[in-house]
Amino acid sequence: MSLNKNKIFRIAALIMTLLGTALILLGLMKYREYAIGFSVAGAGFYAIAWAFNALKGRL
């Protein structure tokens, strides 16, 4: 299995999206008093994943 740059960006974007979702859900389910911070951090992970997805095929 060869990993070219597009596959690496795809895997990185998927991992970042999963981490962002986990952070948001963790803030909403377990740590209610810190939910805003967890949600902002999760949205940041989504933004970075979106940028990785936009870079596929351009570099």
N, C-alpha and C. Protein backbone atom coordinates (compact mmCIF):
# COMPACT_ATOMS: atom_id res chain seq x y z
N MET A 1 0.85 -1.18 0.00
CA MET A 1 0.00 0.00 0.00
C MET A 1 0.89 1.23 0.00
N SER A 2 0.79 1.99 -1.04
CA SER A 2 1.61 3.21 -1.10
C SER A 2 0.81 4.39 -0.57
N LEU A 3 1.46 5.18 0.23
CA LEU A 3 0.81 6.36 0.79
C LEU A 3 1.33 7.59 0.05
N ASN A 4 0.54 8.08 -0.86
CA ASN A 4 0.92 9.34 -1.48
C ASN A 4 0.34 10.49 -0.67
N LYS A 5 0.63 11.70 -1.08
CA LYS A 5 0.24 12.85 -0.26
C LYS A 5 -1.27 13.02 -0.15
N ASN A 6 -2.03 12.63 -1.17
CA ASN A 6 -3.49 12.76 -1.10
C ASN A 6 -4.08 11.80 -0.08
N LYS A 7 -3.55 10.58 0.00
CA LYS A 7 -4.05 9.63 1.00
C LYS A 7 -3.68 10.08 2.40
N ILE A 8 -2.50 10.65 2.56
CA ILE A 8 -2.09 11.15 3.87
C ILE A 8 -2.99 12.29 4.31
N PHE A 9 -3.30 13.22 3.41
CA PHE A 9 -4.21 14.32 3.74
C PHE A 9 -5.60 13.79 4.06
N ARG A 10 -6.05 12.77 3.34
CA ARG A 10 -7.37 12.19 3.59
C ARG A 10 -7.42 11.54 4.98
N ILE A 11 -6.40 10.78 5.31
CA ILE A 11 -6.36 10.11 6.62
C ILE A 11 -6.25 11.14 7.74
N ALA A 12 -5.42 12.17 7.53
CA ALA A 12 -5.26 13.20 8.56
C ALA A 12 -6.56 13.97 8.77
N ALA A 13 -7.28 14.28 7.69
CA ALA A 13 -8.55 14.99 7.82
C ALA A 13 -9.58 14.12 8.53
N LEU A 14 -9.59 12.82 8.26
CA LEU A 14 -10.53 11.92 8.93
C LEU A 14 -10.22 11.84 10.43
N ILE A 15 -8.95 11.71 10.78
CA ILE A 15 -8.57 11.64 12.19
C ILE A 15 -8.91 12.94 12.91
N MET A 16 -8.64 14.08 12.28
CA MET A 16 -8.95 15.36 12.90
C MET A 16 -10.46 15.53 13.09
N THR A 17 -11.25 15.07 12.12
CA THR A 17 -12.71 15.15 12.25
C THR A 17 -13.20 14.28 13.40
N LEU A 18 -12.65 13.08 13.52
CA LEU A 18 -13.05 12.20 14.62
C LEU A 18 -12.65 12.78 15.97
N LEU A 19 -11.47 13.38 16.07
CA LEU A 19 -11.04 14.00 17.31
C LEU A 19 -11.92 15.21 17.66
N GLY A 20 -12.28 16.00 16.66
CA GLY A 20 -13.17 17.14 16.90
C GLY A 20 -14.53 16.70 17.40
N THR A 21 -15.07 15.65 16.79
CA THR A 21 -16.36 15.13 17.23
C THR A 21 -16.26 14.59 18.66
N ALA A 22 -15.17 13.88 18.95
CA ALA A 22 -14.99 13.34 20.30
C ALA A 22 -14.88 14.46 21.33
N LEU A 23 -14.19 15.53 21.01
CA LEU A 23 -14.07 16.64 21.95
C LEU A 23 -15.42 17.29 22.21
N ILE A 24 -16.19 17.51 21.16
CA ILE A 24 -17.49 18.15 21.33
C ILE A 24 -18.42 17.26 22.16
N LEU A 25 -18.44 15.97 21.85
CA LEU A 25 -19.30 15.07 22.61
C LEU A 25 -18.84 14.91 24.05
N LEU A 26 -17.54 14.90 24.26
CA LEU A 26 -17.02 14.80 25.62
C LEU A 26 -17.43 16.02 26.44
N GLY A 27 -17.37 17.19 25.83
CA GLY A 27 -17.80 18.40 26.53
C GLY A 27 -19.29 18.41 26.82
N LEU A 28 -20.09 17.90 25.90
CA LEU A 28 -21.54 17.91 26.09
C LEU A 28 -22.02 16.82 27.04
N MET A 29 -21.36 15.68 27.05
CA MET A 29 -21.84 14.55 27.84
C MET A 29 -21.23 14.48 29.25
N LYS A 30 -19.92 14.71 29.35
CA LYS A 30 -19.26 14.44 30.62
C LYS A 30 -18.92 15.72 31.39
N TYR A 31 -18.32 16.69 30.72
CA TYR A 31 -17.86 17.91 31.40
C TYR A 31 -18.74 19.09 31.00
N ARG A 32 -19.94 19.16 31.58
CA ARG A 32 -20.90 20.19 31.20
C ARG A 32 -20.39 21.60 31.51
N GLU A 33 -19.62 21.77 32.58
CA GLU A 33 -19.16 23.11 32.96
C GLU A 33 -18.08 23.63 32.01
N TYR A 34 -17.45 22.76 31.26
CA TYR A 34 -16.42 23.17 30.30
C TYR A 34 -16.86 22.93 28.85
N ALA A 35 -18.15 22.85 28.61
CA ALA A 35 -18.66 22.49 27.29
C ALA A 35 -18.28 23.52 26.23
N ILE A 36 -18.24 24.79 26.60
CA ILE A 36 -17.91 25.82 25.61
C ILE A 36 -16.46 25.67 25.15
N GLY A 37 -15.57 25.44 26.07
CA GLY A 37 -14.16 25.26 25.70
C GLY A 37 -13.93 24.03 24.84
N PHE A 38 -14.58 22.93 25.22
CA PHE A 38 -14.46 21.71 24.43
C PHE A 38 -15.05 21.92 23.04
N SER A 39 -16.16 22.64 22.95
CA SER A 39 -16.78 22.87 21.64
C SER A 39 -15.93 23.76 20.75
N VAL A 40 -15.31 24.76 21.33
CA VAL A 40 -14.42 25.63 20.55
C VAL A 40 -13.21 24.85 20.05
N ALA A 41 -12.65 24.01 20.91
CA ALA A 41 -11.52 23.19 20.50
C ALA A 41 -11.94 22.20 19.40
N GLY A 42 -13.12 21.61 19.54
CA GLY A 42 -13.62 20.70 18.51
C GLY A 42 -13.86 21.40 17.19
N ALA A 43 -14.38 22.63 17.24
CA ALA A 43 -14.57 23.40 16.00
C ALA A 43 -13.22 23.74 15.36
N GLY A 44 -12.20 23.96 16.18
CA GLY A 44 -10.86 24.18 15.64
C GLY A 44 -10.33 22.95 14.92
N PHE A 45 -10.60 21.77 15.48
CA PHE A 45 -10.19 20.54 14.81
C PHE A 45 -10.93 20.39 13.48
N TYR A 46 -12.22 20.76 13.46
CA TYR A 46 -12.98 20.72 12.21
C TYR A 46 -12.38 21.67 11.17
N ALA A 47 -11.97 22.85 11.60
CA ALA A 47 -11.39 23.83 10.66
C ALA A 47 -10.08 23.32 10.08
N ILE A 48 -9.25 22.72 10.91
CA ILE A 48 -7.98 22.18 10.41
C ILE A 48 -8.24 21.01 9.46
N ALA A 49 -9.22 20.15 9.79
CA ALA A 49 -9.56 19.04 8.91
C ALA A 49 -10.08 19.56 7.57
N TRP A 50 -10.87 20.62 7.60
CA TRP A 50 -11.36 21.21 6.36
C TRP A 50 -10.21 21.75 5.51
N ALA A 51 -9.23 22.38 6.17
CA ALA A 51 -8.06 22.89 5.43
C ALA A 51 -7.26 21.74 4.82
N PHE A 52 -7.09 20.65 5.57
CA PHE A 52 -6.38 19.49 5.02
C PHE A 52 -7.14 18.94 3.82
N ASN A 53 -8.46 18.89 3.91
CA ASN A 53 -9.25 18.38 2.80
C ASN A 53 -9.15 19.31 1.59
N ALA A 54 -9.06 20.60 1.82
CA ALA A 54 -8.94 21.55 0.71
C ALA A 54 -7.56 21.47 0.06
N LEU A 55 -6.56 21.04 0.80
CA LEU A 55 -5.20 20.95 0.25
C LEU A 55 -4.97 19.71 -0.59
N LYS A 56 -5.87 18.73 -0.51
CA LYS A 56 -5.68 17.51 -1.30
C LYS A 56 -5.59 17.85 -2.78
N GLY A 57 -4.55 17.38 -3.43
CA GLY A 57 -4.39 17.59 -4.87
C GLY A 57 -3.77 18.91 -5.24
N ARG A 58 -3.53 19.80 -4.31
CA ARG A 58 -2.97 21.11 -4.62
C ARG A 58 -1.49 21.22 -4.31
N LEU A 59 -1.02 20.37 -3.43
CA LEU A 59 0.40 20.43 -3.07
C LEU A 59 1.20 19.40 -3.84
